[in-house]
């Protein structure tokens, strides 16, 4: 599949597209998770997954799948599965043995609400539910579903989120810029890569398209982590302030101005990879650019790290 024709995308186009997509995602997540009021694990799963985030990963999957010509009814299960994995990773990241966080998305973290035991079980249950949803996704070829499950599992495992969290915990105090970049890719980029690769698989896209989307995802992941570092001292994030104190980040190494410039460079490179697939001024580019406005503005109103 070659590049699609260039098209102009307005802010109204973004809103008209994203609002109904997000509503579909939230409604389908609620259906997939169920609602057993007598089961604390079920309630913890719902609370952390349905909390008011920006749904960046599922929205990216659905937008990319649509632009690549994939059936949207098949993409919703996959998008929700990715969001479950992301939510599980946040539950684990926040645990006392990890980042020991008190707030997430403006609410007490899951272990603060339900206890560490329930938080652990909820995180595990979200991961297994996500893989079950993909394995049973309707109107997707069985072999393709198997590849999707494997792709998402790789993103979570010892060469993905797990390794990124380990490195962040063990090597946080003495890291070079290249070490930080490698950790950022594992912590954030790999899940973006899996998300977009699943969209490409659903559409039957060729390898060149998948490669361009992987490069876009890597640049986007780096930008997300830089945004998170830049807004670490912002009380508007909806999570603990100053969690990076004592850690070596690019902000501590280079300063905020240099990191802002680096963030914009990552976004420019991300756009180049999008353009190779979708043409100029595509919806995904406008969407991702909007996410990072607070990191480059003096008075942030939205936080990418809460997405």
C-alpha atoms as a PDB file:
ATOM      1  CA  UNK A   1       0.000   0.000   0.000  1.00  0.00           C
ATOM      2  CA  UNK A   2       1.487   3.333  -1.061  1.00  0.00           C
ATOM      3  CA  UNK A   3       0.944   6.794   0.379  1.00  0.00           C
ATOM      4  CA  UNK A   4      -2.623   8.044   0.369  1.00  0.00           C
ATOM      5  CA  UNK A   5      -3.462  11.404  -1.263  1.00  0.00           C
ATOM      6  CA  UNK A   6      -2.757  14.471   0.822  1.00  0.00           C
ATOM      7  CA  UNK A   7      -5.785  16.032   2.483  1.00  0.00           C
ATOM      8  CA  UNK A   8      -6.448  19.030   4.692  1.00  0.00           C
ATOM      9  CA  UNK A   9      -7.587  18.282   8.240  1.00  0.00           C
ATOM     10  CA  UNK A  10      -9.170  20.986  10.396  1.00  0.00           C
ATOM     11  CA  UNK A  11      -9.585  21.079  14.164  1.00  0.00           C
ATOM     12  CA  UNK A  12     -13.313  20.500  13.621  1.00  0.00           C
ATOM     13  CA  UNK A  13     -12.472  17.344  11.649  1.00  0.00           C
ATOM     14  CA  UNK A  14     -10.468  16.074  14.624  1.00  0.00           C
ATOM     15  CA  UNK A  15     -13.267  16.757  17.097  1.00  0.00           C
ATOM     16  CA  UNK A  16     -15.945  15.239  14.865  1.00  0.00           C
ATOM     17  CA  UNK A  17     -13.856  12.103  14.473  1.00  0.00           C
ATOM     18  CA  UNK A  18     -12.483  11.687  17.982  1.00  0.00           C
ATOM     19  CA  UNK A  19     -15.589  12.329  20.056  1.00  0.00           C
ATOM     20  CA  UNK A  20     -17.676   9.465  18.619  1.00  0.00           C
ATOM     21  CA  UNK A  21     -14.664   7.152  18.498  1.00  0.00           C
ATOM     22  CA  UNK A  22     -13.899   7.791  22.142  1.00  0.00           C
ATOM     23  CA  UNK A  23     -17.538   7.237  23.103  1.00  0.00           C
ATOM     24  CA  UNK A  24     -17.473   3.911  21.254  1.00  0.00           C
ATOM     25  CA  UNK A  25     -14.275   2.918  23.041  1.00  0.00           C
ATOM     26  CA  UNK A  26     -15.613   3.791  26.500  1.00  0.00           C
ATOM     27  CA  UNK A  27     -18.903   2.010  25.925  1.00  0.00           C
ATOM     28  CA  UNK A  28     -17.225  -1.103  24.560  1.00  0.00           C
ATOM     29  CA  UNK A  29     -14.673  -1.173  27.383  1.00  0.00           C
ATOM     30  CA  UNK A  30     -17.503  -1.084  29.912  1.00  0.00           C
ATOM     31  CA  UNK A  31     -19.224  -3.977  28.147  1.00  0.00           C
ATOM     32  CA  UNK A  32     -16.051  -6.067  27.915  1.00  0.00           C
ATOM     33  CA  UNK A  33     -15.175  -5.558  31.577  1.00  0.00           C
ATOM     34  CA  UNK A  34     -18.624  -6.292  32.962  1.00  0.00           C
ATOM     35  CA  UNK A  35     -19.834  -4.886  36.284  1.00  0.00           C
ATOM     36  CA  UNK A  36     -19.914  -7.249  39.241  1.00  0.00           C
ATOM     37  CA  UNK A  37     -20.548  -4.963  42.215  1.00  0.00           C
ATOM     38  CA  UNK A  38     -19.756  -7.779  44.648  1.00  0.00           C
ATOM     39  CA  UNK A  39     -16.302  -8.419  43.179  1.00  0.00           C
ATOM     40  CA  UNK A  40     -13.599  -5.955  44.218  1.00  0.00           C
ATOM     41  CA  UNK A  41     -11.245  -7.120  41.486  1.00  0.00           C
ATOM     42  CA  UNK A  42     -13.909  -6.414  38.874  1.00  0.00           C
ATOM     43  CA  UNK A  43     -14.537  -2.967  40.341  1.00  0.00           C
ATOM     44  CA  UNK A  44     -10.814  -2.172  40.448  1.00  0.00           C
ATOM     45  CA  UNK A  45     -10.471  -3.203  36.801  1.00  0.00           C
ATOM     46  CA  UNK A  46     -13.308  -0.892  35.825  1.00  0.00           C
ATOM     47  CA  UNK A  47     -12.120   2.018  37.942  1.00  0.00           C
ATOM     48  CA  UNK A  48      -8.612   2.091  36.519  1.00  0.00           C
ATOM     49  CA  UNK A  49      -9.601   1.396  32.907  1.00  0.00           C
ATOM     50  CA  UNK A  50     -12.673   3.622  32.657  1.00  0.00           C
ATOM     51  CA  UNK A  51     -11.067   6.529  34.525  1.00  0.00           C
ATOM     52  CA  UNK A  52     -11.046   9.729  32.432  1.00  0.00           C
ATOM     53  CA  UNK A  53      -7.939   9.410  30.306  1.00  0.00           C
ATOM     54  CA  UNK A  54      -7.454  10.462  26.700  1.00  0.00           C
ATOM     55  CA  UNK A  55      -7.546   6.941  25.179  1.00  0.00           C
ATOM     56  CA  UNK A  56      -4.549   7.748  22.997  1.00  0.00           C
ATOM     57  CA  UNK A  57      -3.600   4.166  22.114  1.00  0.00           C
ATOM     58  CA  UNK A  58      -7.050   2.874  21.145  1.00  0.00           C
ATOM     59  CA  UNK A  59      -7.754   6.070  19.211  1.00  0.00           C
ATOM     60  CA  UNK A  60      -4.490   5.685  17.306  1.00  0.00           C
ATOM     61  CA  UNK A  61      -5.347   2.083  16.480  1.00  0.00           C
ATOM     62  CA  UNK A  62      -8.798   2.962  15.186  1.00  0.00           C
ATOM     63  CA  UNK A  63      -7.643   6.002  13.212  1.00  0.00           C
ATOM     64  CA  UNK A  64      -4.782   4.111  11.595  1.00  0.00           C
ATOM     65  CA  UNK A  65      -6.986   1.112  10.828  1.00  0.00           C
ATOM     66  CA  UNK A  66      -9.597   3.352   9.211  1.00  0.00           C
ATOM     67  CA  UNK A  67      -7.045   5.233   7.118  1.00  0.00           C
ATOM     68  CA  UNK A  68      -5.567   1.921   5.970  1.00  0.00           C
ATOM     69  CA  UNK A  69      -8.989   0.648   4.930  1.00  0.00           C
ATOM     70  CA  UNK A  70      -9.609  -1.882   7.705  1.00  0.00           C
ATOM     71  CA  UNK A  71     -13.150  -2.713   8.889  1.00  0.00           C
ATOM     72  CA  UNK A  72     -13.910  -0.513  11.889  1.00  0.00           C
ATOM     73  CA  UNK A  73     -16.254  -2.987  13.568  1.00  0.00           C
ATOM     74  CA  UNK A  74     -13.348  -5.408  13.895  1.00  0.00           C
ATOM     75  CA  UNK A  75     -10.986  -2.776  15.246  1.00  0.00           C
ATOM     76  CA  UNK A  76     -12.964  -1.879  18.365  1.00  0.00           C
ATOM     77  CA  UNK A  77     -12.191  -5.125  20.212  1.00  0.00           C
ATOM     78  CA  UNK A  78      -8.513  -4.709  19.404  1.00  0.00           C
ATOM     79  CA  UNK A  79      -8.447  -1.067  20.486  1.00  0.00           C
ATOM     80  CA  UNK A  80     -10.071  -1.902  23.816  1.00  0.00           C
ATOM     81  CA  UNK A  81      -7.624  -4.749  24.402  1.00  0.00           C
ATOM     82  CA  UNK A  82      -4.703  -2.363  23.957  1.00  0.00           C
ATOM     83  CA  UNK A  83      -6.265   0.065  26.440  1.00  0.00           C
ATOM     84  CA  UNK A  84      -6.627  -2.764  28.970  1.00  0.00           C
ATOM     85  CA  UNK A  85      -2.930  -3.539  28.639  1.00  0.00           C
ATOM     86  CA  UNK A  86      -2.054   0.120  29.104  1.00  0.00           C
ATOM     87  CA  UNK A  87      -4.278   0.353  32.190  1.00  0.00           C
ATOM     88  CA  UNK A  88      -2.696  -2.773  33.660  1.00  0.00           C
ATOM     89  CA  UNK A  89       0.758  -1.278  33.167  1.00  0.00           C
ATOM     90  CA  UNK A  90      -0.296   1.837  35.094  1.00  0.00           C
ATOM     91  CA  UNK A  91      -1.609  -0.271  37.982  1.00  0.00           C
ATOM     92  CA  UNK A  92       1.728  -2.075  38.222  1.00  0.00           C
ATOM     93  CA  UNK A  93       3.801   1.099  37.790  1.00  0.00           C
ATOM     94  CA  UNK A  94       1.983   2.766  40.685  1.00  0.00           C
ATOM     95  CA  UNK A  95       2.515  -0.043  43.226  1.00  0.00           C
ATOM     96  CA  UNK A  96       4.609   0.688  46.353  1.00  0.00           C
ATOM     97  CA  UNK A  97       7.312  -1.697  45.148  1.00  0.00           C
ATOM     98  CA  UNK A  98       7.552   0.248  41.868  1.00  0.00           C
ATOM     99  CA  UNK A  99       6.888   4.019  41.752  1.00  0.00           C
ATOM    100  CA  UNK A 100       4.774   4.118  44.934  1.00  0.00           C
ATOM    101  CA  UNK A 101       2.330   6.617  43.457  1.00  0.00           C
ATOM    102  CA  UNK A 102      -0.668   8.100  45.247  1.00  0.00           C
ATOM    103  CA  UNK A 103      -2.500   9.664  42.300  1.00  0.00           C
ATOM    104  CA  UNK A 104      -3.325   8.603  38.754  1.00  0.00           C
ATOM    105  CA  UNK A 105      -5.589  10.575  36.409  1.00  0.00           C
ATOM    106  CA  UNK A 106      -6.607  12.779  39.315  1.00  0.00           C
ATOM    107  CA  UNK A 107      -7.763   9.854  41.449  1.00  0.00           C
ATOM    108  CA  UNK A 108      -6.184   7.726  44.163  1.00  0.00           C
ATOM    109  CA  UNK A 109      -4.215   4.884  42.605  1.00  0.00           C
ATOM    110  CA  UNK A 110      -5.759   1.412  42.590  1.00  0.00           C
ATOM    111  CA  UNK A 111      -3.665   0.077  45.473  1.00  0.00           C
ATOM    112  CA  UNK A 112      -4.610   3.131  47.564  1.00  0.00           C
ATOM    113  CA  UNK A 113      -8.309   2.461  46.928  1.00  0.00           C
ATOM    114  CA  UNK A 114      -8.418  -1.314  47.079  1.00  0.00           C
ATOM    115  CA  UNK A 115      -5.162  -2.525  48.610  1.00  0.00           C
ATOM    116  CA  UNK A 116      -2.042  -3.961  47.009  1.00  0.00           C
ATOM    117  CA  UNK A 117      -3.502  -7.468  46.753  1.00  0.00           C
ATOM    118  CA  UNK A 118      -6.528  -6.324  44.758  1.00  0.00           C
ATOM    119  CA  UNK A 119      -4.358  -4.062  42.597  1.00  0.00           C
ATOM    120  CA  UNK A 120      -2.074  -6.951  41.656  1.00  0.00           C
ATOM    121  CA  UNK A 121      -5.007  -9.188  40.823  1.00  0.00           C
ATOM    122  CA  UNK A 122      -6.731  -6.451  38.831  1.00  0.00           C
ATOM    123  CA  UNK A 123      -3.588  -5.834  36.776  1.00  0.00           C
ATOM    124  CA  UNK A 124      -3.191  -9.533  35.999  1.00  0.00           C
ATOM    125  CA  UNK A 125      -6.888  -9.856  35.181  1.00  0.00           C
ATOM    126  CA  UNK A 126      -6.713  -6.905  32.773  1.00  0.00           C
ATOM    127  CA  UNK A 127      -3.793  -8.457  30.908  1.00  0.00           C
ATOM    128  CA  UNK A 128      -5.495 -11.825  30.555  1.00  0.00           C
ATOM    129  CA  UNK A 129      -8.771 -10.200  29.533  1.00  0.00           C
ATOM    130  CA  UNK A 130      -6.970  -8.194  26.860  1.00  0.00           C
ATOM    131  CA  UNK A 131      -5.435 -11.291  25.282  1.00  0.00           C
ATOM    132  CA  UNK A 132      -8.765 -13.108  25.504  1.00  0.00           C
ATOM    133  CA  UNK A 133     -10.510 -10.245  23.686  1.00  0.00           C
ATOM    134  CA  UNK A 134      -7.997 -10.303  20.835  1.00  0.00           C
ATOM    135  CA  UNK A 135      -8.083 -14.102  20.581  1.00  0.00           C
ATOM    136  CA  UNK A 136     -11.865 -13.982  20.242  1.00  0.00           C
ATOM    137  CA  UNK A 137     -12.150 -10.872  18.078  1.00  0.00           C
ATOM    138  CA  UNK A 138     -14.948 -11.270  15.558  1.00  0.00           C
ATOM    139  CA  UNK A 139     -14.402 -10.915  11.805  1.00  0.00           C
ATOM    140  CA  UNK A 140     -10.619 -11.289  12.080  1.00  0.00           C
ATOM    141  CA  UNK A 141      -8.838 -14.269  10.535  1.00  0.00           C
ATOM    142  CA  UNK A 142      -7.649 -16.786  13.121  1.00  0.00           C
ATOM    143  CA  UNK A 143      -4.007 -16.688  12.034  1.00  0.00           C
ATOM    144  CA  UNK A 144      -4.042 -12.898  12.118  1.00  0.00           C
ATOM    145  CA  UNK A 145      -5.499 -12.961  15.642  1.00  0.00           C
ATOM    146  CA  UNK A 146      -2.692 -15.270  16.734  1.00  0.00           C
ATOM    147  CA  UNK A 147      -0.078 -12.880  15.357  1.00  0.00           C
ATOM    148  CA  UNK A 148      -1.772  -9.978  17.109  1.00  0.00           C
ATOM    149  CA  UNK A 149      -1.739 -11.778  20.450  1.00  0.00           C
ATOM    150  CA  UNK A 150       1.945 -12.585  20.019  1.00  0.00           C
ATOM    151  CA  UNK A 151       2.731  -9.006  19.022  1.00  0.00           C
ATOM    152  CA  UNK A 152       1.037  -7.535  22.074  1.00  0.00           C
ATOM    153  CA  UNK A 153       2.564 -10.141  24.386  1.00  0.00           C
ATOM    154  CA  UNK A 154       6.045  -9.236  23.128  1.00  0.00           C
ATOM    155  CA  UNK A 155       5.337  -5.570  23.862  1.00  0.00           C
ATOM    156  CA  UNK A 156       4.448  -6.381  27.470  1.00  0.00           C
ATOM    157  CA  UNK A 157       7.190  -8.914  28.203  1.00  0.00           C
ATOM    158  CA  UNK A 158      10.865  -8.958  29.023  1.00  0.00           C
ATOM    159  CA  UNK A 159      11.812  -7.069  25.836  1.00  0.00           C
ATOM    160  CA  UNK A 160       9.090  -4.460  26.316  1.00  0.00           C
ATOM    161  CA  UNK A 161       7.260  -2.853  29.222  1.00  0.00           C
ATOM    162  CA  UNK A 162       8.701  -5.231  31.819  1.00  0.00           C
ATOM    163  CA  UNK A 163      12.267  -4.526  30.773  1.00  0.00           C
ATOM    164  CA  UNK A 164      11.597  -0.796  30.584  1.00  0.00           C
ATOM    165  CA  UNK A 165      10.211  -0.705  34.112  1.00  0.00           C
ATOM    166  CA  UNK A 166      13.122  -2.775  35.405  1.00  0.00           C
ATOM    167  CA  UNK A 167      15.653  -0.412  33.853  1.00  0.00           C
ATOM    168  CA  UNK A 168      13.786   2.594  35.177  1.00  0.00           C
ATOM    169  CA  UNK A 169      13.882   1.198  38.701  1.00  0.00           C
ATOM    170  CA  UNK A 170      17.445  -0.082  38.706  1.00  0.00           C
ATOM    171  CA  UNK A 171      19.296   2.477  36.591  1.00  0.00           C
ATOM    172  CA  UNK A 172      17.426   5.705  37.352  1.00  0.00           C
ATOM    173  CA  UNK A 173      20.177   7.605  39.169  1.00  0.00           C
ATOM    174  CA  UNK A 174      23.109   7.385  36.735  1.00  0.00           C
ATOM    175  CA  UNK A 175      22.121   7.269  33.073  1.00  0.00           C
ATOM    176  CA  UNK A 176      23.413   8.775  29.859  1.00  0.00           C
ATOM    177  CA  UNK A 177      21.123  10.390  27.298  1.00  0.00           C
ATOM    178  CA  UNK A 178      21.290   7.233  25.162  1.00  0.00           C
ATOM    179  CA  UNK A 179      20.377   5.078  28.176  1.00  0.00           C
ATOM    180  CA  UNK A 180      17.355   7.280  28.853  1.00  0.00           C
ATOM    181  CA  UNK A 181      16.266   7.071  25.221  1.00  0.00           C
ATOM    182  CA  UNK A 182      16.520   3.266  25.292  1.00  0.00           C
ATOM    183  CA  UNK A 183      14.456   3.084  28.483  1.00  0.00           C
ATOM    184  CA  UNK A 184      11.866   5.477  27.048  1.00  0.00           C
ATOM    185  CA  UNK A 185      11.399   3.269  24.015  1.00  0.00           C
ATOM    186  CA  UNK A 186      10.787   0.228  26.211  1.00  0.00           C
ATOM    187  CA  UNK A 187       8.478   2.032  28.620  1.00  0.00           C
ATOM    188  CA  UNK A 188       6.309   3.742  26.010  1.00  0.00           C
ATOM    189  CA  UNK A 189       7.389   3.221  22.404  1.00  0.00           C
ATOM    190  CA  UNK A 190       6.968  -0.547  22.246  1.00  0.00           C
ATOM    191  CA  UNK A 191       3.284  -0.418  23.153  1.00  0.00           C
ATOM    192  CA  UNK A 192       2.694   2.286  20.547  1.00  0.00           C
ATOM    193  CA  UNK A 193       4.521   0.091  18.020  1.00  0.00           C
ATOM    194  CA  UNK A 194       2.356  -2.912  18.876  1.00  0.00           C
ATOM    195  CA  UNK A 195      -0.801  -0.782  18.732  1.00  0.00           C
ATOM    196  CA  UNK A 196      -0.092   0.477  15.233  1.00  0.00           C
ATOM    197  CA  UNK A 197       1.196  -2.869  14.018  1.00  0.00           C
ATOM    198  CA  UNK A 198      -2.075  -4.477  15.090  1.00  0.00           C
ATOM    199  CA  UNK A 199      -3.935  -1.834  13.069  1.00  0.00           C
ATOM    200  CA  UNK A 200      -1.717  -2.610  10.076  1.00  0.00           C
ATOM    201  CA  UNK A 201      -2.289  -6.368  10.470  1.00  0.00           C
ATOM    202  CA  UNK A 202      -6.041  -5.793  10.566  1.00  0.00           C
ATOM    203  CA  UNK A 203      -5.805  -3.862   7.299  1.00  0.00           C
ATOM    204  CA  UNK A 204      -3.479  -6.365   5.641  1.00  0.00           C
ATOM    205  CA  UNK A 205      -0.876  -3.638   5.116  1.00  0.00           C
ATOM    206  CA  UNK A 206       2.453  -4.493   3.546  1.00  0.00           C
ATOM    207  CA  UNK A 207       5.784  -4.562   5.375  1.00  0.00           C
ATOM    208  CA  UNK A 208       6.892  -1.127   4.218  1.00  0.00           C
ATOM    209  CA  UNK A 209       3.794   0.451   5.766  1.00  0.00           C
ATOM    210  CA  UNK A 210       4.330  -1.498   8.979  1.00  0.00           C
ATOM    211  CA  UNK A 211       7.944  -0.361   9.120  1.00  0.00           C
ATOM    212  CA  UNK A 212       6.988   3.305   8.685  1.00  0.00           C
ATOM    213  CA  UNK A 213       4.348   3.020  11.396  1.00  0.00           C
ATOM    214  CA  UNK A 214       6.887   1.400  13.721  1.00  0.00           C
ATOM    215  CA  UNK A 215       9.261   4.322  13.180  1.00  0.00           C
ATOM    216  CA  UNK A 216       6.423   6.769  13.824  1.00  0.00           C
ATOM    217  CA  UNK A 217       5.537   4.923  17.040  1.00  0.00           C
ATOM    218  CA  UNK A 218       9.117   5.053  18.273  1.00  0.00           C
ATOM    219  CA  UNK A 219       9.309   8.824  17.745  1.00  0.00           C
ATOM    220  CA  UNK A 220       5.915   9.254  19.409  1.00  0.00           C
ATOM    221  CA  UNK A 221       7.007   7.205  22.414  1.00  0.00           C
ATOM    222  CA  UNK A 222      10.111   9.333  22.867  1.00  0.00           C
ATOM    223  CA  UNK A 223       7.988  12.488  22.671  1.00  0.00           C
ATOM    224  CA  UNK A 224       5.580  11.142  25.304  1.00  0.00           C
ATOM    225  CA  UNK A 225       8.363  10.470  27.779  1.00  0.00           C
ATOM    226  CA  UNK A 226       9.897  13.907  27.203  1.00  0.00           C
ATOM    227  CA  UNK A 227       6.489  15.481  27.762  1.00  0.00           C
ATOM    228  CA  UNK A 228       6.160  13.512  30.982  1.00  0.00           C
ATOM    229  CA  UNK A 229       9.576  14.744  32.150  1.00  0.00           C
ATOM    230  CA  UNK A 230       8.794  18.355  31.258  1.00  0.00           C
ATOM    231  CA  UNK A 231       5.530  18.297  33.211  1.00  0.00           C
ATOM    232  CA  UNK A 232       6.824  16.379  36.214  1.00  0.00           C
ATOM    233  CA  UNK A 233       6.533  19.471  38.426  1.00  0.00           C
ATOM    234  CA  UNK A 234       3.095  20.452  37.128  1.00  0.00           C
ATOM    235  CA  UNK A 235       0.140  20.037  39.538  1.00  0.00           C
ATOM    236  CA  UNK A 236      -2.237  19.770  36.552  1.00  0.00           C
ATOM    237  CA  UNK A 237      -1.029  16.308  35.566  1.00  0.00           C
ATOM    238  CA  UNK A 238      -3.482  14.410  37.739  1.00  0.00           C
ATOM    239  CA  UNK A 239      -0.665  12.403  39.309  1.00  0.00           C
ATOM    240  CA  UNK A 240       2.058  12.820  41.915  1.00  0.00           C
ATOM    241  CA  UNK A 241       4.200  15.922  41.478  1.00  0.00           C
ATOM    242  CA  UNK A 242       7.983  15.654  41.443  1.00  0.00           C
ATOM    243  CA  UNK A 243       8.262  11.880  41.011  1.00  0.00           C
ATOM    244  CA  UNK A 244      11.432  12.375  38.936  1.00  0.00           C
ATOM    245  CA  UNK A 245      13.369  13.927  41.800  1.00  0.00           C
ATOM    246  CA  UNK A 246      16.590  11.973  42.288  1.00  0.00           C
ATOM    247  CA  UNK A 247      16.304  10.364  38.841  1.00  0.00           C
ATOM    248  CA  UNK A 248      18.469  11.155  35.862  1.00  0.00           C
ATOM    249  CA  UNK A 249      16.195  12.433  33.098  1.00  0.00           C
ATOM    250  CA  UNK A 250      16.901  14.420  29.965  1.00  0.00           C
ATOM    251  CA  UNK A 251      15.503  17.470  31.743  1.00  0.00           C
ATOM    252  CA  UNK A 252      18.065  17.090  34.535  1.00  0.00           C
ATOM    253  CA  UNK A 253      20.844  16.528  31.987  1.00  0.00           C
ATOM    254  CA  UNK A 254      19.969  19.110  29.337  1.00  0.00           C
ATOM    255  CA  UNK A 255      17.431  21.525  30.811  1.00  0.00           C
ATOM    256  CA  UNK A 256      13.826  22.169  29.815  1.00  0.00           C
ATOM    257  CA  UNK A 257      14.503  24.358  26.781  1.00  0.00           C
ATOM    258  CA  UNK A 258      16.731  21.763  25.148  1.00  0.00           C
ATOM    259  CA  UNK A 259      14.246  18.996  25.928  1.00  0.00           C
ATOM    260  CA  UNK A 260      11.401  21.000  24.382  1.00  0.00           C
ATOM    261  CA  UNK A 261      13.451  21.361  21.219  1.00  0.00           C
ATOM    262  CA  UNK A 262      14.144  17.628  21.251  1.00  0.00           C
ATOM    263  CA  UNK A 263      10.447  16.893  21.718  1.00  0.00           C
ATOM    264  CA  UNK A 264       9.593  18.983  18.655  1.00  0.00           C
ATOM    265  CA  UNK A 265      12.287  17.188  16.666  1.00  0.00           C
ATOM    266  CA  UNK A 266      10.718  13.845  17.551  1.00  0.00           C
ATOM    267  CA  UNK A 267       7.316  15.138  16.430  1.00  0.00           C
ATOM    268  CA  UNK A 268       8.754  16.374  13.130  1.00  0.00           C
ATOM    269  CA  UNK A 269      10.319  12.978  12.457  1.00  0.00           C
ATOM    270  CA  UNK A 270       7.082  11.269  13.484  1.00  0.00           C
ATOM    271  CA  UNK A 271       5.189  13.383  10.951  1.00  0.00           C
ATOM    272  CA  UNK A 272       7.617  12.397   8.203  1.00  0.00           C
ATOM    273  CA  UNK A 273       6.855   8.722   8.802  1.00  0.00           C
ATOM    274  CA  UNK A 274       3.111   9.408   8.842  1.00  0.00           C
ATOM    275  CA  UNK A 275       3.365  11.348   5.602  1.00  0.00           C
ATOM    276  CA  UNK A 276       5.066   8.379   3.922  1.00  0.00           C
ATOM    277  CA  UNK A 277       1.953   6.310   4.645  1.00  0.00           C
ATOM    278  CA  UNK A 278      -1.005   8.696   4.737  1.00  0.00           C
ATOM    279  CA  UNK A 279       0.096  11.822   2.908  1.00  0.00           C
ATOM    280  CA  UNK A 280       0.409  15.347   4.238  1.00  0.00           C
ATOM    281  CA  UNK A 281      -1.621  16.862   7.072  1.00  0.00           C
ATOM    282  CA  UNK A 282      -3.292  13.636   8.149  1.00  0.00           C
ATOM    283  CA  UNK A 283      -5.665  13.325  11.088  1.00  0.00           C
ATOM    284  CA  UNK A 284      -3.219  11.329  13.217  1.00  0.00           C
ATOM    285  CA  UNK A 285      -0.610  14.065  12.910  1.00  0.00           C
ATOM    286  CA  UNK A 286      -3.054  16.760  14.050  1.00  0.00           C
ATOM    287  CA  UNK A 287      -4.158  14.541  16.910  1.00  0.00           C
ATOM    288  CA  UNK A 288      -0.656  13.828  18.166  1.00  0.00           C
ATOM    289  CA  UNK A 289       0.458  17.450  17.799  1.00  0.00           C
ATOM    290  CA  UNK A 290      -2.443  18.522  19.992  1.00  0.00           C
ATOM    291  CA  UNK A 291      -1.361  16.092  22.716  1.00  0.00           C
ATOM    292  CA  UNK A 292       1.941  17.849  23.277  1.00  0.00           C
ATOM    293  CA  UNK A 293       0.836  21.480  23.316  1.00  0.00           C
ATOM    294  CA  UNK A 294       1.016  21.728  27.148  1.00  0.00           C
ATOM    295  CA  UNK A 295       4.658  20.656  27.265  1.00  0.00           C
ATOM    296  CA  UNK A 296       5.572  23.578  25.008  1.00  0.00           C
ATOM    297  CA  UNK A 297       3.178  26.117  26.523  1.00  0.00           C
ATOM    298  CA  UNK A 298       3.584  28.065  29.765  1.00  0.00           C
ATOM    299  CA  UNK A 299       0.165  27.119  31.137  1.00  0.00           C
ATOM    300  CA  UNK A 300      -0.618  23.452  30.395  1.00  0.00           C
ATOM    301  CA  UNK A 301      -4.234  22.420  30.115  1.00  0.00           C
ATOM    302  CA  UNK A 302      -3.811  18.774  29.103  1.00  0.00           C
ATOM    303  CA  UNK A 303      -1.284  16.143  30.070  1.00  0.00           C
ATOM    304  CA  UNK A 304      -0.116  13.558  27.556  1.00  0.00           C
ATOM    305  CA  UNK A 305       1.142  11.220  30.285  1.00  0.00           C
ATOM    306  CA  UNK A 306      -2.446  10.762  31.541  1.00  0.00           C
ATOM    307  CA  UNK A 307      -3.507   9.430  28.169  1.00  0.00           C
END
